[in-house]
Protein backbone atom coordinates (compact mmCIF):
# COMPACT_ATOMS: atom_id res chain seq x y z
CA UNK A 1 -30.69 12.02 -3.34
CA UNK A 2 -31.04 13.32 0.20
CA UNK A 3 -28.16 15.36 1.64
CA UNK A 4 -26.40 13.79 4.65
CA UNK A 5 -26.70 15.57 7.99
CA UNK A 6 -23.63 17.13 9.62
CA UNK A 7 -22.20 14.99 12.40
CA UNK A 8 -21.86 16.79 15.75
CA UNK A 9 -18.60 16.99 17.71
CA UNK A 10 -18.63 14.65 20.69
CA UNK A 11 -17.10 15.47 24.08
CA UNK A 12 -16.68 11.80 25.02
CA UNK A 13 -17.12 8.27 23.79
CA UNK A 14 -20.14 7.92 26.09
CA UNK A 15 -21.77 10.96 24.47
CA UNK A 16 -21.18 9.50 21.02
CA UNK A 17 -22.59 6.15 22.13
CA UNK A 18 -25.74 7.85 23.42
CA UNK A 19 -26.04 9.76 20.15
CA UNK A 20 -25.94 6.59 18.03
CA UNK A 21 -28.44 4.87 20.32
CA UNK A 22 -30.98 7.51 19.24
CA UNK A 23 -30.05 8.31 15.63
CA UNK A 24 -30.02 6.48 12.32
CA UNK A 25 -26.58 6.18 10.72
CA UNK A 26 -28.07 6.43 7.23
CA UNK A 27 -29.02 10.06 7.95
CA UNK A 28 -25.34 10.95 8.45
CA UNK A 29 -23.51 8.78 5.92
CA UNK A 30 -24.21 7.82 2.33
CA UNK A 31 -24.08 4.06 2.64
CA UNK A 32 -23.81 3.73 -1.16
CA UNK A 33 -20.31 5.19 -0.87
CA UNK A 34 -19.29 2.75 1.87
CA UNK A 35 -16.27 0.57 1.10
CA UNK A 36 -15.55 -2.89 2.40
CA UNK A 37 -12.41 -3.00 4.54
CA UNK A 38 -10.40 -5.81 6.08
CA UNK A 39 -8.84 -5.42 9.51
CA UNK A 40 -6.06 -7.99 9.25
CA UNK A 41 -4.43 -7.16 12.60
CA UNK A 42 -7.50 -7.82 14.73
CA UNK A 43 -7.36 -10.69 17.18
CA UNK A 44 -9.08 -13.71 15.69
CA UNK A 45 -12.27 -14.93 17.25
CA UNK A 46 -11.91 -18.17 19.16
CA UNK A 47 -14.26 -20.95 20.05
CA UNK A 48 -13.90 -23.29 22.99
CA UNK A 49 -13.82 -26.99 22.24
CA UNK A 50 -13.58 -30.09 24.35
CA UNK A 51 -10.68 -32.35 23.43
CA UNK A 52 -9.97 -35.66 25.13
CA UNK A 53 -6.29 -36.56 25.31
CA UNK A 54 -4.54 -39.45 27.01
CA UNK A 55 -3.29 -38.32 30.43
CA UNK A 56 0.35 -39.08 29.57
CA UNK A 57 0.12 -37.02 26.38
CA UNK A 58 -1.35 -34.06 28.25
CA UNK A 59 1.37 -34.28 30.89
CA UNK A 60 4.06 -34.40 28.20
CA UNK A 61 2.51 -31.33 26.54
CA UNK A 62 2.51 -29.46 29.85
CA UNK A 63 6.16 -30.34 30.51
CA UNK A 64 7.20 -29.23 27.00
CA UNK A 65 5.13 -26.02 27.28
CA UNK A 66 6.68 -25.24 30.66
CA UNK A 67 10.16 -25.71 29.20
CA UNK A 68 9.27 -23.28 26.40
CA UNK A 69 7.61 -20.88 28.89
CA UNK A 70 4.26 -20.89 27.06
CA UNK A 71 0.82 -22.02 28.23
CA UNK A 72 0.17 -25.62 27.18
CA UNK A 73 -3.00 -24.63 25.31
CA UNK A 74 -0.96 -22.15 23.26
CA UNK A 75 1.55 -24.89 22.51
CA UNK A 76 -1.25 -27.13 21.26
CA UNK A 77 -2.45 -24.29 18.98
CA UNK A 78 1.12 -23.82 17.70
CA UNK A 79 1.39 -27.55 16.91
CA UNK A 80 -1.97 -27.52 15.14
CA UNK A 81 -1.07 -24.42 13.09
CA UNK A 82 2.22 -26.03 12.00
CA UNK A 83 0.45 -29.26 11.08
CA UNK A 84 -2.13 -27.36 9.00
CA UNK A 85 0.60 -25.46 7.14
CA UNK A 86 2.34 -28.65 6.11
CA UNK A 87 -0.85 -30.59 5.33
């Protein structure tokens, strides 16, 4: 098994970025010892969708969201999350 190379000290994030643009990570880390990790506190990825709602329903959502001081799209997501929990 080949010995891993010693990683240099970087002065800045830009210097480190340049380094990795020109070097192979497998020369510096034994990928067989890598462990899978889960970053549970990361912001979830989102995807835009198009949703057609009756005008009166959308207006009612906006009024309710305004009363709660939240964006109406966030209120819709809250309603959907609650509905999925109880489904």
